[in-house]
């Protein structure tokens, strides 16, 4: 299962965003809902697009 990471737009730390079972399904969903919000470990909430995710699998 791929692990997607994000770089916080506020403080720059890399944090784990989510595990996903199907990368193709995630990309399709993300293009239709491309304004996903995640919070880093320091509590900063930001909007992210599919292009912001880093696949570490």
N, C-alpha and C. Protein backbone atom coordinates (compact mmCIF):
# COMPACT_ATOMS: atom_id res chain seq x y z
N UNK A 1 0.85 -1.17 0.00
CA UNK A 1 0.00 0.00 0.00
C UNK A 1 0.90 1.24 0.00
N UNK A 2 0.79 2.11 -1.01
CA UNK A 2 1.64 3.30 -1.07
C UNK A 2 1.40 4.28 0.08
N UNK A 3 2.47 4.87 0.54
CA UNK A 3 2.42 5.91 1.57
C UNK A 3 2.69 7.23 0.89
N UNK A 4 1.77 8.16 1.03
CA UNK A 4 1.95 9.48 0.44
C UNK A 4 2.37 10.47 1.51
N UNK A 5 3.35 11.26 1.17
CA UNK A 5 3.90 12.27 2.08
C UNK A 5 3.60 13.65 1.51
N UNK A 6 3.65 14.65 2.37
CA UNK A 6 3.48 16.04 1.96
C UNK A 6 4.54 16.89 2.62
N UNK A 7 4.87 18.00 1.99
CA UNK A 7 5.75 19.00 2.58
C UNK A 7 4.87 20.15 3.02
N UNK A 8 4.93 20.49 4.31
CA UNK A 8 4.09 21.56 4.85
C UNK A 8 4.40 22.87 4.14
N UNK A 9 3.36 23.54 3.69
CA UNK A 9 3.52 24.82 3.00
C UNK A 9 3.87 25.95 3.97
N UNK A 10 3.67 25.73 5.26
CA UNK A 10 3.95 26.76 6.26
C UNK A 10 5.36 26.64 6.84
N UNK A 11 5.72 25.43 7.31
CA UNK A 11 7.00 25.27 7.99
C UNK A 11 8.02 24.42 7.22
N UNK A 12 7.58 23.71 6.18
CA UNK A 12 8.50 22.97 5.34
C UNK A 12 8.84 21.56 5.77
N UNK A 13 8.30 21.08 6.90
CA UNK A 13 8.61 19.70 7.30
C UNK A 13 7.84 18.72 6.41
N UNK A 14 8.41 17.54 6.25
CA UNK A 14 7.76 16.47 5.48
C UNK A 14 7.00 15.60 6.47
N UNK A 15 5.75 15.31 6.18
CA UNK A 15 4.94 14.50 7.08
C UNK A 15 4.11 13.51 6.27
N UNK A 16 3.70 12.44 6.93
CA UNK A 16 2.89 11.43 6.25
C UNK A 16 1.45 11.93 6.14
N UNK A 17 0.91 11.83 4.94
CA UNK A 17 -0.44 12.31 4.70
C UNK A 17 -1.46 11.18 4.77
N UNK A 18 -1.17 10.06 4.06
CA UNK A 18 -2.12 8.96 4.05
C UNK A 18 -1.54 7.73 3.38
N UNK A 19 -2.10 6.59 3.75
CA UNK A 19 -1.86 5.34 3.03
C UNK A 19 -3.02 5.19 2.06
N UNK A 20 -2.73 4.76 0.85
CA UNK A 20 -3.80 4.56 -0.11
C UNK A 20 -3.70 3.16 -0.71
N UNK A 21 -4.82 2.49 -0.91
CA UNK A 21 -4.78 1.15 -1.48
C UNK A 21 -4.61 1.14 -3.00
N UNK A 22 -5.07 2.19 -3.67
CA UNK A 22 -5.07 2.20 -5.13
C UNK A 22 -4.68 3.59 -5.64
N UNK A 23 -3.48 3.71 -6.18
CA UNK A 23 -2.97 5.02 -6.64
C UNK A 23 -3.80 5.57 -7.80
N UNK A 24 -4.26 4.71 -8.70
CA UNK A 24 -5.06 5.18 -9.84
C UNK A 24 -6.38 5.77 -9.35
N UNK A 25 -7.03 5.08 -8.43
CA UNK A 25 -8.29 5.58 -7.88
C UNK A 25 -8.05 6.90 -7.13
N UNK A 26 -6.96 7.00 -6.40
CA UNK A 26 -6.63 8.23 -5.68
C UNK A 26 -6.44 9.39 -6.65
N UNK A 27 -5.71 9.17 -7.74
CA UNK A 27 -5.48 10.24 -8.71
C UNK A 27 -6.79 10.71 -9.34
N UNK A 28 -7.68 9.76 -9.67
CA UNK A 28 -8.97 10.13 -10.26
C UNK A 28 -9.81 10.92 -9.27
N UNK A 29 -9.86 10.48 -8.03
CA UNK A 29 -10.62 11.19 -6.99
C UNK A 29 -10.02 12.56 -6.73
N UNK A 30 -8.70 12.63 -6.68
CA UNK A 30 -8.03 13.89 -6.37
C UNK A 30 -8.24 14.94 -7.44
N UNK A 31 -8.35 14.52 -8.70
CA UNK A 31 -8.58 15.49 -9.77
C UNK A 31 -9.99 16.07 -9.67
N UNK A 32 -10.94 15.30 -9.19
CA UNK A 32 -12.29 15.81 -9.03
C UNK A 32 -12.45 16.59 -7.71
N UNK A 33 -11.62 16.28 -6.72
CA UNK A 33 -11.64 16.96 -5.42
C UNK A 33 -10.20 17.37 -5.12
N UNK A 34 -9.69 18.33 -5.89
CA UNK A 34 -8.26 18.65 -5.84
C UNK A 34 -7.90 19.70 -4.80
N UNK A 35 -8.73 19.88 -3.80
CA UNK A 35 -8.43 20.86 -2.78
C UNK A 35 -8.49 20.19 -1.40
N UNK A 36 -7.66 19.17 -1.21
CA UNK A 36 -7.66 18.40 0.03
C UNK A 36 -6.88 19.14 1.12
N UNK A 37 -7.38 19.08 2.33
CA UNK A 37 -6.75 19.75 3.47
C UNK A 37 -6.07 18.72 4.35
N UNK A 38 -4.82 18.99 4.72
CA UNK A 38 -4.07 18.14 5.65
C UNK A 38 -3.39 19.03 6.66
N UNK A 39 -3.13 18.48 7.84
CA UNK A 39 -2.41 19.19 8.89
C UNK A 39 -1.09 18.49 9.16
N UNK A 40 -0.01 19.27 9.26
CA UNK A 40 1.29 18.69 9.58
C UNK A 40 1.36 18.40 11.07
N UNK A 41 2.46 17.79 11.49
CA UNK A 41 2.62 17.42 12.90
C UNK A 41 2.74 18.64 13.82
N UNK A 42 3.00 19.79 13.23
CA UNK A 42 3.06 21.03 14.02
C UNK A 42 1.73 21.78 14.04
N UNK A 43 0.71 21.19 13.40
CA UNK A 43 -0.64 21.76 13.46
C UNK A 43 -1.00 22.74 12.36
N UNK A 44 -0.14 22.92 11.36
CA UNK A 44 -0.47 23.82 10.26
C UNK A 44 -1.38 23.12 9.27
N UNK A 45 -2.53 23.70 8.96
CA UNK A 45 -3.46 23.14 7.98
C UNK A 45 -3.32 23.88 6.66
N UNK A 46 -3.18 23.12 5.58
CA UNK A 46 -3.04 23.71 4.26
C UNK A 46 -3.83 22.90 3.24
N UNK A 47 -4.14 23.53 2.12
CA UNK A 47 -4.79 22.88 0.99
C UNK A 47 -3.71 22.30 0.08
N UNK A 48 -3.92 21.08 -0.40
CA UNK A 48 -2.96 20.42 -1.26
C UNK A 48 -3.62 19.90 -2.52
N UNK A 49 -2.89 19.94 -3.62
CA UNK A 49 -3.32 19.38 -4.89
C UNK A 49 -2.61 18.06 -5.11
N UNK A 50 -3.06 17.27 -6.07
CA UNK A 50 -2.45 15.97 -6.36
C UNK A 50 -0.96 16.10 -6.63
N UNK A 51 -0.53 17.21 -7.22
CA UNK A 51 0.87 17.43 -7.55
C UNK A 51 1.76 17.60 -6.31
N UNK A 52 1.16 17.92 -5.16
CA UNK A 52 1.91 18.14 -3.94
C UNK A 52 2.31 16.85 -3.24
N UNK A 53 1.66 15.74 -3.53
CA UNK A 53 1.93 14.49 -2.85
C UNK A 53 3.22 13.83 -3.33
N UNK A 54 3.95 13.23 -2.40
CA UNK A 54 5.18 12.52 -2.70
C UNK A 54 4.91 11.05 -2.41
N UNK A 55 5.11 10.19 -3.41
CA UNK A 55 4.89 8.76 -3.26
C UNK A 55 6.21 8.11 -2.87
N UNK A 56 6.27 7.53 -1.68
CA UNK A 56 7.49 6.90 -1.19
C UNK A 56 7.49 5.38 -1.36
N UNK A 57 6.56 4.86 -2.14
CA UNK A 57 6.51 3.40 -2.31
C UNK A 57 7.56 2.93 -3.29
